[in-house]
Full PDB file with SEQRES, HELIX, SHEET, SSBOND, CRYST1, ORIGX, SCALE, CONECT and MASTER records, all heavy atoms in Angstrom:
SEQRES   1 A   31  TYR TRP ALA ARG TYR GLU ASP PRO ARG THR ARG VAL GLY          
SEQRES   2 A   31  GLU PRO ALA VAL ASP ARG PRO ALA ASP ILE ALA GLU ARG          
SEQRES   3 A   31  VAL ALA GLY LEU PRO                                          
HELIX    1 AA1 PRO A   20  ILE A   23  5                                   4    
HELIX    2 AA2 ALA A   24  VAL A   27  1                                   4    
SHEET    1 AA1 2 TRP A   2  ASP A   7  0                                        
SHEET    2 AA1 2 THR A  10  ALA A  16 -1                                        
CRYST1    1.000    1.000    1.000  90.00  90.00  90.00 P 1           1          
ORIGX1      1.000000  0.000000  0.000000        0.00000                         
ORIGX2      0.000000  1.000000  0.000000        0.00000                         
ORIGX3      0.000000  0.000000  1.000000        0.00000                         
SCALE1      1.000000  0.000000  0.000000        0.00000                         
SCALE2      0.000000  1.000000  0.000000        0.00000                         
SCALE3      0.000000  0.000000  1.000000        0.00000                         
ATOM      1  N   TYR A   1      90.380 107.655  70.098  1.00  0.00           N  
ATOM      2  CA  TYR A   1      89.182 107.234  70.802  1.00  0.00           C  
ATOM      3  C   TYR A   1      89.509 105.857  71.355  1.00  0.00           C  
ATOM      4  O   TYR A   1      90.012 104.987  70.623  1.00  0.00           O  
ATOM      5  CB  TYR A   1      88.002 107.129  69.841  1.00  0.00           C  
ATOM      6  CG  TYR A   1      87.574 108.440  69.220  1.00  0.00           C  
ATOM      7  CD1 TYR A   1      87.631 108.629  67.858  1.00  0.00           C  
ATOM      8  CD2 TYR A   1      87.079 109.474  70.015  1.00  0.00           C  
ATOM      9  CE1 TYR A   1      87.229 109.820  67.279  1.00  0.00           C  
ATOM     10  CE2 TYR A   1      86.670 110.671  69.452  1.00  0.00           C  
ATOM     11  CZ  TYR A   1      86.752 110.837  68.081  1.00  0.00           C  
ATOM     12  OH  TYR A   1      86.351 112.034  67.527  1.00  0.00           O  
ATOM     13  N   TRP A   2      89.212 105.627  72.605  1.00  0.00           N  
ATOM     14  CA  TRP A   2      89.656 104.345  73.194  1.00  0.00           C  
ATOM     15  C   TRP A   2      88.741 103.888  74.320  1.00  0.00           C  
ATOM     16  O   TRP A   2      87.952 104.659  74.866  1.00  0.00           O  
ATOM     17  CB  TRP A   2      91.090 104.462  73.722  1.00  0.00           C  
ATOM     18  CG  TRP A   2      91.194 105.325  74.947  1.00  0.00           C  
ATOM     19  CD1 TRP A   2      91.139 106.689  75.009  1.00  0.00           C  
ATOM     20  CD2 TRP A   2      91.319 104.862  76.304  1.00  0.00           C  
ATOM     21  NE1 TRP A   2      91.238 107.104  76.320  1.00  0.00           N  
ATOM     22  CE2 TRP A   2      91.355 106.018  77.123  1.00  0.00           C  
ATOM     23  CE3 TRP A   2      91.443 103.591  76.871  1.00  0.00           C  
ATOM     24  CZ2 TRP A   2      91.495 105.933  78.510  1.00  0.00           C  
ATOM     25  CZ3 TRP A   2      91.568 103.497  78.254  1.00  0.00           C  
ATOM     26  CH2 TRP A   2      91.588 104.667  79.061  1.00  0.00           C  
ATOM     27  N   ALA A   3      88.875 102.596  74.636  1.00  0.00           N  
ATOM     28  CA  ALA A   3      88.183 102.020  75.781  1.00  0.00           C  
ATOM     29  C   ALA A   3      88.904 100.727  76.141  1.00  0.00           C  
ATOM     30  O   ALA A   3      89.539 100.081  75.285  1.00  0.00           O  
ATOM     31  CB  ALA A   3      86.713 101.728  75.488  1.00  0.00           C  
ATOM     32  N   ARG A   4      88.819 100.356  77.404  1.00  0.00           N  
ATOM     33  CA  ARG A   4      89.369  99.083  77.883  1.00  0.00           C  
ATOM     34  C   ARG A   4      88.258  98.047  77.952  1.00  0.00           C  
ATOM     35  O   ARG A   4      87.099  98.372  78.224  1.00  0.00           O  
ATOM     36  CB  ARG A   4      90.009  99.247  79.254  1.00  0.00           C  
ATOM     37  CG  ARG A   4      91.377  99.922  79.230  1.00  0.00           C  
ATOM     38  CD  ARG A   4      92.014  99.931  80.593  1.00  0.00           C  
ATOM     39  NE  ARG A   4      92.055  98.598  81.182  1.00  0.00           N  
ATOM     40  CZ  ARG A   4      92.727  98.300  82.301  1.00  0.00           C  
ATOM     41  NH1 ARG A   4      93.416  99.235  82.930  1.00  0.00           N  
ATOM     42  NH2 ARG A   4      92.744  97.066  82.782  1.00  0.00           N  
ATOM     43  N   TYR A   5      88.641  96.791  77.729  1.00  0.00           N  
ATOM     44  CA  TYR A   5      87.687  95.669  77.737  1.00  0.00           C  
ATOM     45  C   TYR A   5      88.211  94.542  78.617  1.00  0.00           C  
ATOM     46  O   TYR A   5      89.403  94.207  78.556  1.00  0.00           O  
ATOM     47  CB  TYR A   5      87.453  95.141  76.309  1.00  0.00           C  
ATOM     48  CG  TYR A   5      86.674  96.122  75.474  1.00  0.00           C  
ATOM     49  CD1 TYR A   5      87.286  97.232  74.906  1.00  0.00           C  
ATOM     50  CD2 TYR A   5      85.303  95.964  75.260  1.00  0.00           C  
ATOM     51  CE1 TYR A   5      86.555  98.158  74.156  1.00  0.00           C  
ATOM     52  CE2 TYR A   5      84.570  96.866  74.506  1.00  0.00           C  
ATOM     53  CZ  TYR A   5      85.209  97.970  73.973  1.00  0.00           C  
ATOM     54  OH  TYR A   5      84.489  98.888  73.244  1.00  0.00           O  
ATOM     55  N   GLU A   6      87.318  93.964  79.405  1.00  0.00           N  
ATOM     56  CA  GLU A   6      87.669  92.781  80.195  1.00  0.00           C  
ATOM     57  C   GLU A   6      87.682  91.549  79.303  1.00  0.00           C  
ATOM     58  O   GLU A   6      88.443  90.623  79.501  1.00  0.00           O  
ATOM     59  CB  GLU A   6      86.676  92.593  81.337  1.00  0.00           C  
ATOM     60  CG  GLU A   6      86.902  93.542  82.516  1.00  0.00           C  
ATOM     61  CD  GLU A   6      88.267  93.356  83.148  1.00  0.00           C  
ATOM     62  OE1 GLU A   6      88.737  92.188  83.235  1.00  0.00           O  
ATOM     63  OE2 GLU A   6      88.864  94.353  83.558  1.00  0.00           O  
ATOM     64  N   ASP A   7      86.803  91.558  78.312  1.00  0.00           N  
ATOM     65  CA  ASP A   7      86.714  90.494  77.320  1.00  0.00           C  
ATOM     66  C   ASP A   7      86.010  91.081  76.106  1.00  0.00           C  
ATOM     67  O   ASP A   7      85.572  92.231  76.142  1.00  0.00           O  
ATOM     68  CB  ASP A   7      85.986  89.255  77.876  1.00  0.00           C  
ATOM     69  CG  ASP A   7      84.570  89.549  78.339  1.00  0.00           C  
ATOM     70  OD1 ASP A   7      83.751  90.018  77.497  1.00  0.00           O  
ATOM     71  OD2 ASP A   7      84.274  89.367  79.536  1.00  0.00           O  
ATOM     72  N   PRO A   8      85.880  90.342  75.009  1.00  0.00           N  
ATOM     73  CA  PRO A   8      85.306  90.933  73.794  1.00  0.00           C  
ATOM     74  C   PRO A   8      83.880  91.463  73.906  1.00  0.00           C  
ATOM     75  O   PRO A   8      83.441  92.212  73.021  1.00  0.00           O  
ATOM     76  CB  PRO A   8      85.371  89.753  72.794  1.00  0.00           C  
ATOM     77  CG  PRO A   8      86.530  88.939  73.272  1.00  0.00           C  
ATOM     78  CD  PRO A   8      86.446  89.007  74.756  1.00  0.00           C  
ATOM     79  N   ARG A   9      83.170  91.125  74.954  1.00  0.00           N  
ATOM     80  CA  ARG A   9      81.793  91.591  75.121  1.00  0.00           C  
ATOM     81  C   ARG A   9      81.606  92.536  76.302  1.00  0.00           C  
ATOM     82  O   ARG A   9      80.509  93.007  76.538  1.00  0.00           O  
ATOM     83  CB  ARG A   9      80.855  90.389  75.293  1.00  0.00           C  
ATOM     84  CG  ARG A   9      80.748  89.501  74.071  1.00  0.00           C  
ATOM     85  CD  ARG A   9      79.937  88.252  74.392  1.00  0.00           C  
ATOM     86  NE  ARG A   9      79.769  87.389  73.232  1.00  0.00           N  
ATOM     87  CZ  ARG A   9      80.692  86.534  72.806  1.00  0.00           C  
ATOM     88  NH1 ARG A   9      81.854  86.441  73.453  1.00  0.00           N  
ATOM     89  NH2 ARG A   9      80.466  85.780  71.732  1.00  0.00           N  
ATOM     90  N   THR A  10      82.673  92.804  77.050  1.00  0.00           N  
ATOM     91  CA  THR A  10      82.534  93.566  78.296  1.00  0.00           C  
ATOM     92  C   THR A  10      83.479  94.759  78.300  1.00  0.00           C  
ATOM     93  O   THR A  10      84.689  94.623  78.490  1.00  0.00           O  
ATOM     94  CB  THR A  10      82.820  92.691  79.526  1.00  0.00           C  
ATOM     95  OG1 THR A  10      82.068  91.486  79.458  1.00  0.00           O  
ATOM     96  CG2 THR A  10      82.495  93.444  80.805  1.00  0.00           C  
ATOM     97  N   ARG A  11      82.891  95.951  78.067  1.00  0.00           N  
ATOM     98  CA  ARG A  11      83.674  97.199  78.131  1.00  0.00           C  
ATOM     99  C   ARG A  11      83.757  97.695  79.545  1.00  0.00           C  
ATOM    100  O   ARG A  11      82.795  97.620  80.320  1.00  0.00           O  
ATOM    101  CB  ARG A  11      83.033  98.235  77.215  1.00  0.00           C  
ATOM    102  CG  ARG A  11      83.693  99.588  77.274  1.00  0.00           C  
ATOM    103  CD  ARG A  11      83.369 100.491  76.092  1.00  0.00           C  
ATOM    104  NE  ARG A  11      82.074 100.319  75.521  1.00  0.00           N  
ATOM    105  CZ  ARG A  11      80.971 100.978  75.906  1.00  0.00           C  
ATOM    106  NH1 ARG A  11      81.039 101.838  76.892  1.00  0.00           N  
ATOM    107  NH2 ARG A  11      79.818 100.781  75.290  1.00  0.00           N  
ATOM    108  N   VAL A  12      84.912  98.262  79.924  1.00  0.00           N  
ATOM    109  CA  VAL A  12      85.133  98.852  81.238  1.00  0.00           C  
ATOM    110  C   VAL A  12      84.947 100.358  81.125  1.00  0.00           C  
ATOM    111  O   VAL A  12      85.802 101.068  80.576  1.00  0.00           O  
ATOM    112  CB  VAL A  12      86.533  98.527  81.762  1.00  0.00           C  
ATOM    113  CG1 VAL A  12      86.731  99.155  83.148  1.00  0.00           C  
ATOM    114  CG2 VAL A  12      86.760  97.024  81.810  1.00  0.00           C  
ATOM    115  N   GLY A  13      83.847 100.884  81.604  1.00  0.00           N  
ATOM    116  CA  GLY A  13      83.607 102.325  81.562  1.00  0.00           C  
ATOM    117  C   GLY A  13      83.155 102.795  80.181  1.00  0.00           C  
ATOM    118  O   GLY A  13      82.836 102.000  79.286  1.00  0.00           O  
ATOM    119  N   GLU A  14      83.158 104.105  80.022  1.00  0.00           N  
ATOM    120  CA  GLU A  14      82.704 104.714  78.785  1.00  0.00           C  
ATOM    121  C   GLU A  14      83.869 105.026  77.834  1.00  0.00           C  
ATOM    122  O   GLU A  14      85.000 105.215  78.283  1.00  0.00           O  
ATOM    123  CB  GLU A  14      81.950 106.025  79.084  1.00  0.00           C  
ATOM    124  CG  GLU A  14      80.672 105.821  79.903  1.00  0.00           C  
ATOM    125  CD  GLU A  14      79.690 104.943  79.184  1.00  0.00           C  
ATOM    126  OE1 GLU A  14      79.517 105.104  77.957  1.00  0.00           O  
ATOM    127  OE2 GLU A  14      79.070 104.077  79.849  1.00  0.00           O  
ATOM    128  N   PRO A  15      83.609 105.072  76.532  1.00  0.00           N  
ATOM    129  CA  PRO A  15      84.673 105.461  75.592  1.00  0.00           C  
ATOM    130  C   PRO A  15      85.190 106.871  75.924  1.00  0.00           C  
ATOM    131  O   PRO A  15      84.436 107.716  76.448  1.00  0.00           O  
ATOM    132  CB  PRO A  15      83.973 105.433  74.231  1.00  0.00           C  
ATOM    133  CG  PRO A  15      82.799 104.538  74.426  1.00  0.00           C  
ATOM    134  CD  PRO A  15      82.349 104.758  75.835  1.00  0.00           C  
ATOM    135  N   ALA A  16      86.439 107.138  75.570  1.00  0.00           N  
ATOM    136  CA  ALA A  16      87.030 108.436  75.858  1.00  0.00           C  
ATOM    137  C   ALA A  16      87.896 108.859  74.685  1.00  0.00           C  
ATOM    138  O   ALA A  16      88.212 108.063  73.789  1.00  0.00           O  
ATOM    139  CB  ALA A  16      87.859 108.368  77.128  1.00  0.00           C  
ATOM    140  N   VAL A  17      88.284 110.118  74.670  1.00  0.00           N  
ATOM    141  CA  VAL A  17      89.229 110.629  73.682  1.00  0.00           C  
ATOM    142  C   VAL A  17      90.374 111.288  74.435  1.00  0.00           C  
ATOM    143  O   VAL A  17      90.164 112.126  75.303  1.00  0.00           O  
ATOM    144  CB  VAL A  17      88.556 111.600  72.693  1.00  0.00           C  
ATOM    145  CG1 VAL A  17      87.919 112.789  73.421  1.00  0.00           C  
ATOM    146  CG2 VAL A  17      89.550 112.083  71.642  1.00  0.00           C  
ATOM    147  N   ASP A  18      91.614 110.871  74.102  1.00  0.00           N  
ATOM    148  CA  ASP A  18      92.782 111.367  74.819  1.00  0.00           C  
ATOM    149  C   ASP A  18      93.999 111.303  73.917  1.00  0.00           C  
ATOM    150  O   ASP A  18      94.032 110.574  72.908  1.00  0.00           O  
ATOM    151  CB  ASP A  18      93.067 110.518  76.068  1.00  0.00           C  
ATOM    152  CG  ASP A  18      92.053 110.721  77.164  1.00  0.00           C  
ATOM    153  OD1 ASP A  18      92.070 111.791  77.802  1.00  0.00           O  
ATOM    154  OD2 ASP A  18      91.260 109.775  77.408  1.00  0.00           O  
ATOM    155  N   ARG A  19      95.033 112.043  74.320  1.00  0.00           N  
ATOM    156  CA  ARG A  19      96.337 111.874  73.699  1.00  0.00           C  
ATOM    157  C   ARG A  19      96.931 110.550  74.198  1.00  0.00           C  
ATOM    158  O   ARG A  19      96.830 110.245  75.396  1.00  0.00           O  
ATOM    159  CB  ARG A  19      97.264 113.035  74.037  1.00  0.00           C  
ATOM    160  CG  ARG A  19      96.885 114.330  73.362  1.00  0.00           C  
ATOM    161  CD  ARG A  19      97.885 115.444  73.678  1.00  0.00           C  
ATOM    162  NE  ARG A  19      97.547 116.662  72.968  1.00  0.00           N  
ATOM    163  CZ  ARG A  19      97.938 116.943  71.739  1.00  0.00           C  
ATOM    164  NH1 ARG A  19      98.704 116.092  71.090  1.00  0.00           N  
ATOM    165  NH2 ARG A  19      97.569 118.062  71.142  1.00  0.00           N  
ATOM    166  N   PRO A  20      97.536 109.774  73.317  1.00  0.00           N  
ATOM    167  CA  PRO A  20      98.051 108.469  73.721  1.00  0.00           C  
ATOM    168  C   PRO A  20      98.989 108.525  74.933  1.00  0.00           C  
ATOM    169  O   PRO A  20      98.896 107.689  75.836  1.00  0.00           O  
ATOM    170  CB  PRO A  20      98.770 107.977  72.463  1.00  0.00           C  
ATOM    171  CG  PRO A  20      98.021 108.623  71.353  1.00  0.00           C  
ATOM    172  CD  PRO A  20      97.670 109.969  71.862  1.00  0.00           C  
ATOM    173  N   ALA A  21      99.869 109.519  74.958  1.00  0.00           N  
ATOM    174  CA  ALA A  21     100.816 109.610  76.074  1.00  0.00           C  
ATOM    175  C   ALA A  21     100.114 109.778  77.416  1.00  0.00           C  
ATOM    176  O   ALA A  21     100.612 109.339  78.445  1.00  0.00           O  
ATOM    177  CB  ALA A  21     101.780 110.778  75.839  1.00  0.00           C  
ATOM    178  N   ASP A  22      98.921 110.393  77.393  1.00  0.00           N  
ATOM    179  CA  ASP A  22      98.205 110.656  78.638  1.00  0.00           C  
ATOM    180  C   ASP A  22      97.544 109.401  79.224  1.00  0.00           C  
ATOM    181  O   ASP A  22      97.131 109.399  80.384  1.00  0.00           O  
ATOM    182  CB  ASP A  22      97.129 111.728  78.416  1.00  0.00           C  
ATOM    183  CG  ASP A  22      97.735 113.079  78.100  1.00  0.00           C  
ATOM    184  OD1 ASP A  22      98.931 113.306  78.418  1.00  0.00           O  
ATOM    185  OD2 ASP A  22      97.012 113.944  77.538  1.00  0.00           O  
ATOM    186  N   ILE A  23      97.412 108.347  78.410  1.00  0.00           N  
ATOM    187  CA  ILE A  23      96.782 107.131  78.909  1.00  0.00           C  
ATOM    188  C   ILE A  23      97.756 105.938  78.935  1.00  0.00           C  
ATOM    189  O   ILE A  23      97.350 104.821  79.165  1.00  0.00           O  
ATOM    190  CB  ILE A  23      95.558 106.746  78.040  1.00  0.00           C  
ATOM    191  CG1 ILE A  23      95.970 106.473  76.586  1.00  0.00           C  
ATOM    192  CG2 ILE A  23      94.498 107.854  78.109  1.00  0.00           C  
ATOM    193  CD1 ILE A  23      94.865 105.902  75.737  1.00  0.00           C  
ATOM    194  N   ALA A  24      99.047 106.236  78.732  1.00  0.00           N  
ATOM    195  CA  ALA A  24     100.037 105.180  78.625  1.00  0.00           C  
ATOM    196  C   ALA A  24     100.036 104.250  79.841  1.00  0.00           C  
ATOM    197  O   ALA A  24     100.099 103.024  79.693  1.00  0.00           O  
ATOM    198  CB  ALA A  24     101.421 105.787  78.415  1.00  0.00           C  
ATOM    199  N   GLU A  25      99.953 104.826  81.041  1.00  0.00           N  
ATOM    200  CA  GLU A  25      99.971 103.991  82.243  1.00  0.00           C  
ATOM    201  C   GLU A  25      98.697 103.144  82.361  1.00  0.00           C  
ATOM    202  O   GLU A  25      98.747 102.012  82.870  1.00  0.00           O  
ATOM    203  CB  GLU A  25     100.128 104.863  83.466  1.00  0.00           C  
ATOM    204  CG  GLU A  25     101.491 105.551  83.580  1.00  0.00           C  
ATOM    205  CD  GLU A  25     101.643 106.283  84.874  1.00  0.00           C  
ATOM    206  OE1 GLU A  25     100.719 106.210  85.733  1.00  0.00           O  
ATOM    207  OE2 GLU A  25     102.685 106.969  85.064  1.00  0.00           O  
ATOM    208  N   ARG A  26      97.608 103.658  81.879  1.00  0.00           N  
ATOM    209  CA  ARG A  26      96.324 102.953  82.022  1.00  0.00           C  
ATOM    210  C   ARG A  26      96.186 101.777  81.055  1.00  0.00           C  
ATOM    211  O   ARG A  26      95.381 100.882  81.279  1.00  0.00           O  
ATOM    212  CB  ARG A  26      95.173 103.941  81.823  1.00  0.00           C  
ATOM    213  CG  ARG A  26      95.177 105.048  82.862  1.00  0.00           C  
ATOM    214  CD  ARG A  26      94.276 106.193  82.497  1.00  0.00           C  
ATOM    215  NE  ARG A  26      92.864 105.849  82.540  1.00  0.00           N  
ATOM    216  CZ  ARG A  26      91.869 106.647  82.233  1.00  0.00           C  
ATOM    217  NH1 ARG A  26      92.149 107.891  81.829  1.00  0.00           N  
ATOM    218  NH2 ARG A  26      90.631 106.245  82.276  1.00  0.00           N  
ATOM    219  N   VAL A  27      96.937 101.798  79.968  1.00  0.00           N  
ATOM    220  CA  VAL A  27      96.858 100.713  78.985  1.00  0.00           C  
ATOM    221  C   VAL A  27      98.127  99.878  78.948  1.00  0.00           C  
ATOM    222  O   VAL A  27      98.243  98.958  78.116  1.00  0.00           O  
ATOM    223  CB  VAL A  27      96.532 101.274  77.572  1.00  0.00           C  
ATOM    224  CG1 VAL A  27      95.241 102.054  77.586  1.00  0.00           C  
ATOM    225  CG2 VAL A  27      97.684 102.146  77.055  1.00  0.00           C  
ATOM    226  N   ALA A  28      99.073 100.187  79.818  1.00  0.00           N  
ATOM    227  CA  ALA A  28     100.360  99.467  79.797  1.00  0.00           C  
ATOM    228  C   ALA A  28     100.172  97.977  80.014  1.00  0.00           C  
ATOM    229  O   ALA A  28      99.395  97.537  80.848  1.00  0.00           O  
ATOM    230  CB  ALA A  28     101.272 100.036  80.884  1.00  0.00           C  
ATOM    231  N   GLY A  29     100.885  97.203  79.199  1.00  0.00           N  
ATOM    232  CA  GLY A  29     100.852  95.764  79.325  1.00  0.00           C  
ATOM    233  C   GLY A  29      99.699  95.074  78.668  1.00  0.00           C  
ATOM    234  O   GLY A  29      99.605  93.821  78.689  1.00  0.00           O  
ATOM    235  N   LEU A  30      98.799  95.845  78.039  1.00  0.00           N  
ATOM    236  CA  LEU A  30      97.625  95.250  77.421  1.00  0.00           C  
ATOM    237  C   LEU A  30      97.790  95.188  75.903  1.00  0.00           C  
ATOM    238  O   LEU A  30      98.274  96.138  75.291  1.00  0.00           O  
ATOM    239  CB  LEU A  30      96.372  96.071  77.723  1.00  0.00           C  
ATOM    240  CG  LEU A  30      95.936  96.178  79.189  1.00  0.00           C  
ATOM    241  CD1 LEU A  30      94.724  97.086  79.283  1.00  0.00           C  
ATOM    242  CD2 LEU A  30      95.648  94.814  79.765  1.00  0.00           C  
ATOM    243  N   PRO A  31      97.366  94.108  75.278  1.00  0.00           N  
ATOM    244  CA  PRO A  31      97.282  94.110  73.805  1.00  0.00           C  
ATOM    245  C   PRO A  31      96.228  95.133  73.378  1.00  0.00           C  
ATOM    246  O   PRO A  31      95.341  95.476  74.164  1.00  0.00           O  
ATOM    247  CB  PRO A  31      96.869  92.692  73.453  1.00  0.00           C  
ATOM    248  CG  PRO A  31      96.215  92.154  74.683  1.00  0.00           C  
ATOM    249  CD  PRO A  31      96.904  92.820  75.832  1.00  0.00           C  
TER     250      PRO A  31                                                      
MASTER        0    0    0    2    2    0    0    6  249    1    0    3          
END                                                                             
């Protein structure tokens, strides 16, 4: 289950469920 955040209080979009490999490009370079 995952989501991206611009900062600790600001989520980008809705939470999702995916296989990690399928979202690798979307989360690349982020802590």
